[in-house]
N, C-alpha and C. Protein backbone atom coordinates (compact mmCIF):
# COMPACT_ATOMS: atom_id res chain seq x y z
N MET A 1 -15.40 199.03 26.57
CA MET A 1 -14.51 197.64 25.48
C MET A 1 -13.66 199.22 24.79
N THR A 2 -12.69 198.45 24.93
CA THR A 2 -11.70 199.85 24.71
C THR A 2 -11.51 199.93 23.18
N PRO A 3 -11.19 201.12 22.60
CA PRO A 3 -10.83 200.68 21.19
C PRO A 3 -10.24 199.73 20.60
N GLU A 4 -9.37 199.21 20.70
CA GLU A 4 -8.41 198.61 20.39
C GLU A 4 -9.30 196.86 20.27
N GLU A 5 -10.29 197.12 21.07
CA GLU A 5 -11.17 195.39 21.63
C GLU A 5 -11.89 195.24 20.10
N PRO A 6 -12.64 195.86 19.88
CA PRO A 6 -13.51 195.82 18.21
C PRO A 6 -12.58 195.03 17.69
N GLN A 7 -11.69 196.00 17.02
CA GLN A 7 -10.82 196.02 15.67
C GLN A 7 -10.27 194.50 16.04
N THR A 8 -9.43 193.86 17.59
CA THR A 8 -9.13 192.33 17.63
C THR A 8 -9.94 191.51 17.56
N LEU A 9 -11.12 191.77 18.27
CA LEU A 9 -12.41 190.65 18.18
C LEU A 9 -13.26 190.14 16.88
N ILE A 10 -13.28 191.36 16.08
CA ILE A 10 -12.99 190.87 14.19
C ILE A 10 -11.91 189.94 13.44
N LEU A 11 -10.87 190.48 13.91
CA LEU A 11 -9.73 189.85 13.23
C LEU A 11 -10.28 188.21 13.32
N TRP A 12 -10.27 188.29 14.90
CA TRP A 12 -10.24 186.32 15.41
C TRP A 12 -11.33 185.90 14.63
N ALA A 13 -12.36 187.46 14.85
CA ALA A 13 -13.68 186.99 14.07
C ALA A 13 -14.11 185.99 13.09
N LYS A 14 -13.13 186.14 12.05
CA LYS A 14 -12.95 186.66 10.31
C LYS A 14 -12.07 185.52 9.73
N SER A 15 -11.05 185.07 11.23
CA SER A 15 -9.66 184.24 10.37
C SER A 15 -10.36 183.41 10.50
N LEU A 16 -9.10 182.21 9.42
CA LEU A 16 -9.23 180.98 9.48
C LEU A 16 -8.21 180.41 9.62
N LYS A 17 -7.48 181.16 9.99
CA LYS A 17 -6.34 181.03 11.27
C LYS A 17 -5.86 180.65 12.79
N LYS A 18 -6.93 180.99 13.22
CA LYS A 18 -7.49 181.63 14.49
C LYS A 18 -8.35 179.99 15.15
N GLU A 19 -8.13 179.42 16.37
CA GLU A 19 -9.11 178.28 16.90
C GLU A 19 -10.22 178.97 17.04
N GLN A 20 -11.17 177.91 15.48
CA GLN A 20 -12.29 177.94 15.40
C GLN A 20 -12.97 178.58 16.87
N ARG A 21 -13.06 178.02 17.79
CA ARG A 21 -13.51 178.26 19.07
C ARG A 21 -13.37 179.57 19.55
N LEU A 22 -12.66 180.63 19.59
CA LEU A 22 -11.72 181.98 19.93
C LEU A 22 -12.54 182.67 18.78
N ALA A 23 -12.52 181.99 17.84
CA ALA A 23 -13.61 183.03 16.67
C ALA A 23 -14.95 182.54 17.40
N GLN A 24 -15.86 181.51 17.32
CA GLN A 24 -17.03 181.94 18.05
C GLN A 24 -17.10 182.32 19.12
N ARG A 25 -16.30 182.56 20.21
CA ARG A 25 -16.57 183.35 21.56
C ARG A 25 -16.09 184.91 20.94
N ALA A 26 -15.33 185.79 19.16
CA ALA A 26 -15.32 187.11 19.01
C ALA A 26 -16.70 187.04 18.43
N ARG A 27 -17.27 186.16 17.80
CA ARG A 27 -18.56 186.75 17.19
C ARG A 27 -19.60 187.13 18.56
N LEU A 28 -19.62 185.84 19.25
CA LEU A 28 -20.63 185.87 20.24
C LEU A 28 -20.33 187.31 21.19
N ILE A 29 -18.82 187.86 21.28
CA ILE A 29 -19.20 188.80 21.75
C ILE A 29 -18.97 190.34 20.68
N LEU A 30 -18.66 190.02 20.24
CA LEU A 30 -19.22 191.10 18.98
C LEU A 30 -20.61 191.63 18.80
N LEU A 31 -21.80 190.72 18.53
CA LEU A 31 -23.06 190.01 17.60
C LEU A 31 -23.79 190.91 19.13
N THR A 32 -23.44 190.77 20.63
CA THR A 32 -24.10 191.07 22.30
C THR A 32 -24.08 192.71 22.33
N GLU A 33 -22.17 193.06 21.98
CA GLU A 33 -21.86 194.32 21.69
C GLU A 33 -23.03 195.11 20.87
N GLN A 34 -23.41 194.65 19.55
CA GLN A 34 -24.00 195.21 18.75
C GLN A 34 -25.93 195.25 19.23
N GLY A 35 -25.74 194.78 20.00
CA GLY A 35 -27.97 194.80 21.11
C GLY A 35 -28.72 193.40 20.71
N VAL A 36 -27.82 193.31 19.48
CA VAL A 36 -28.48 191.30 19.75
C VAL A 36 -29.12 190.62 21.20
N THR A 37 -29.47 189.75 21.37
CA THR A 37 -29.33 189.42 22.17
C THR A 37 -28.98 188.03 22.82
N LEU A 38 -28.37 187.68 23.96
CA LEU A 38 -27.58 186.53 23.70
C LEU A 38 -28.41 184.98 24.01
N CYS A 39 -29.42 185.13 23.81
CA CYS A 39 -30.20 183.61 23.49
C CYS A 39 -30.10 183.49 21.87
N ASN A 40 -30.61 184.94 21.13
CA ASN A 40 -30.24 184.21 19.90
C ASN A 40 -29.18 183.83 19.47
N VAL A 41 -27.97 185.08 19.84
CA VAL A 41 -26.49 184.93 19.52
C VAL A 41 -26.11 184.11 19.38
N SER A 42 -25.92 183.25 20.98
CA SER A 42 -25.92 182.17 21.66
C SER A 42 -26.49 180.25 20.64
N HIS A 43 -27.22 181.03 20.06
CA HIS A 43 -28.02 179.16 19.65
C HIS A 43 -27.56 179.82 17.36
N LYS A 44 -27.63 181.26 16.88
CA LYS A 44 -26.75 180.87 15.81
C LYS A 44 -25.38 180.51 15.83
N ASN A 45 -24.75 180.45 16.71
CA ASN A 45 -22.79 180.34 17.10
C ASN A 45 -22.96 178.36 17.84
N GLY A 46 -24.40 177.84 18.07
CA GLY A 46 -24.10 177.13 18.58
C GLY A 46 -23.76 176.13 20.22
N LEU A 47 -23.72 177.42 20.86
CA LEU A 47 -23.84 177.45 21.68
C LEU A 47 -25.13 177.29 22.63
N GLY A 48 -25.03 177.09 24.16
CA GLY A 48 -26.31 177.39 24.87
C GLY A 48 -25.80 178.48 25.64
N THR A 49 -27.32 178.63 25.64
CA THR A 49 -27.40 180.51 26.45
C THR A 49 -26.34 180.26 28.26
N ARG A 50 -26.04 179.42 29.05
CA ARG A 50 -25.69 179.39 29.58
C ARG A 50 -23.85 179.24 29.44
N GLN A 51 -23.83 178.61 27.72
CA GLN A 51 -22.25 178.78 27.64
C GLN A 51 -22.01 180.18 26.95
N GLY A 52 -22.69 180.76 26.85
CA GLY A 52 -22.88 181.79 25.94
C GLY A 52 -22.82 183.44 27.15
N SER A 53 -23.38 182.71 28.19
CA SER A 53 -23.58 183.81 29.27
C SER A 53 -21.64 183.60 30.20
N LYS A 54 -21.62 182.05 30.12
CA LYS A 54 -19.98 182.11 30.93
C LYS A 54 -19.51 182.81 29.75
N TRP A 55 -18.90 183.61 28.50
CA TRP A 55 -17.84 183.86 28.11
C TRP A 55 -17.97 185.37 27.95
N ARG A 56 -19.70 185.94 27.84
CA ARG A 56 -20.16 187.32 28.37
C ARG A 56 -19.16 187.79 29.36
N LYS A 57 -19.51 186.96 31.05
CA LYS A 57 -19.11 187.57 31.09
C LYS A 57 -17.30 187.47 31.62
N ARG A 58 -17.15 186.48 31.38
CA ARG A 58 -15.44 186.10 31.19
C ARG A 58 -14.86 187.40 30.48
N PHE A 59 -15.31 187.67 30.05
CA PHE A 59 -14.91 189.29 28.20
C PHE A 59 -15.09 190.45 29.14
N GLN A 60 -16.64 190.43 30.01
CA GLN A 60 -16.08 191.64 31.16
C GLN A 60 -15.00 191.68 31.95
N ALA A 61 -15.13 190.41 33.02
CA ALA A 61 -13.85 190.28 33.70
C ALA A 61 -12.55 190.80 33.09
N GLN A 62 -12.42 190.29 32.08
CA GLN A 62 -10.68 189.84 31.63
C GLN A 62 -11.21 190.16 29.79
N PRO A 63 -11.14 191.15 29.13
CA PRO A 63 -11.66 191.45 27.94
C PRO A 63 -10.92 189.85 26.99
N LEU A 64 -9.97 190.88 26.40
CA LEU A 64 -9.37 189.65 25.70
C LEU A 64 -8.33 188.12 26.51
N GLN A 65 -7.91 188.85 26.76
CA GLN A 65 -7.65 187.35 27.64
C GLN A 65 -9.01 186.39 29.21
N GLY A 66 -10.03 186.06 29.05
CA GLY A 66 -11.15 186.22 29.23
C GLY A 66 -11.94 185.55 28.13
N LEU A 67 -11.15 185.63 27.39
CA LEU A 67 -12.36 184.17 25.67
C LEU A 67 -11.10 183.28 25.38
N ALA A 68 -9.93 182.96 25.88
CA ALA A 68 -9.01 181.84 26.38
C ALA A 68 -9.46 180.62 26.83
N ASP A 69 -9.11 179.30 26.69
CA ASP A 69 -9.45 178.37 27.24
C ASP A 69 -9.02 178.63 28.72
N ARG A 70 -9.16 178.23 29.52
CA ARG A 70 -8.69 177.72 30.30
C ARG A 70 -8.05 176.11 30.98
N PRO A 71 -6.58 176.43 31.67
CA PRO A 71 -6.05 174.71 32.29
C PRO A 71 -7.59 173.81 33.04
N ARG A 72 -7.92 172.64 31.74
CA ARG A 72 -8.54 171.80 32.56
C ARG A 72 -7.91 170.81 33.26
N SER A 73 -6.90 171.09 34.17
CA SER A 73 -7.08 170.58 35.08
C SER A 73 -5.16 170.30 35.79
N ASN A 74 -4.77 169.84 36.79
CA ASN A 74 -3.07 169.94 36.59
C ASN A 74 -2.32 168.67 36.34
N ARG A 75 -3.49 168.94 35.31
CA ARG A 75 -1.97 166.85 34.39
C ARG A 75 -1.88 166.89 33.15
N PRO A 76 -0.39 166.79 33.11
CA PRO A 76 0.55 167.72 31.83
C PRO A 76 -0.66 166.83 30.93
N PRO A 77 -0.39 168.00 29.88
CA PRO A 77 -1.26 168.09 28.18
C PRO A 77 -0.70 166.78 27.56
N GLY A 78 -1.78 165.62 27.39
CA GLY A 78 -1.45 164.66 26.35
C GLY A 78 -1.06 162.93 26.76
N GLN A 79 -1.64 163.12 28.71
CA GLN A 79 -1.17 162.14 29.23
C GLN A 79 -2.77 161.82 30.12
N ARG A 80 -3.24 160.36 29.29
CA ARG A 80 -4.28 159.86 29.24
C ARG A 80 -4.72 159.30 30.60
N LEU A 81 -6.28 158.58 30.80
CA LEU A 81 -6.14 157.73 32.66
C LEU A 81 -6.07 156.09 32.00
């Protein structure tokens, strides 16, 4: 982790204005970096272990950008079936 990344993650984790899913992911990364097990961190943050593992892997591959949601489909936003 670069020196700037923990500072950004802390800001995201504490922010009331950031999307709460992003804050949740930031908390997960911060706690696992401190040595707390992924299983414990995931459950404390309301995630399953597989979800926690997914976010951890995405952070390792694309640090801060990896925590953002990816587009779900090719369908324009707001369009329903």
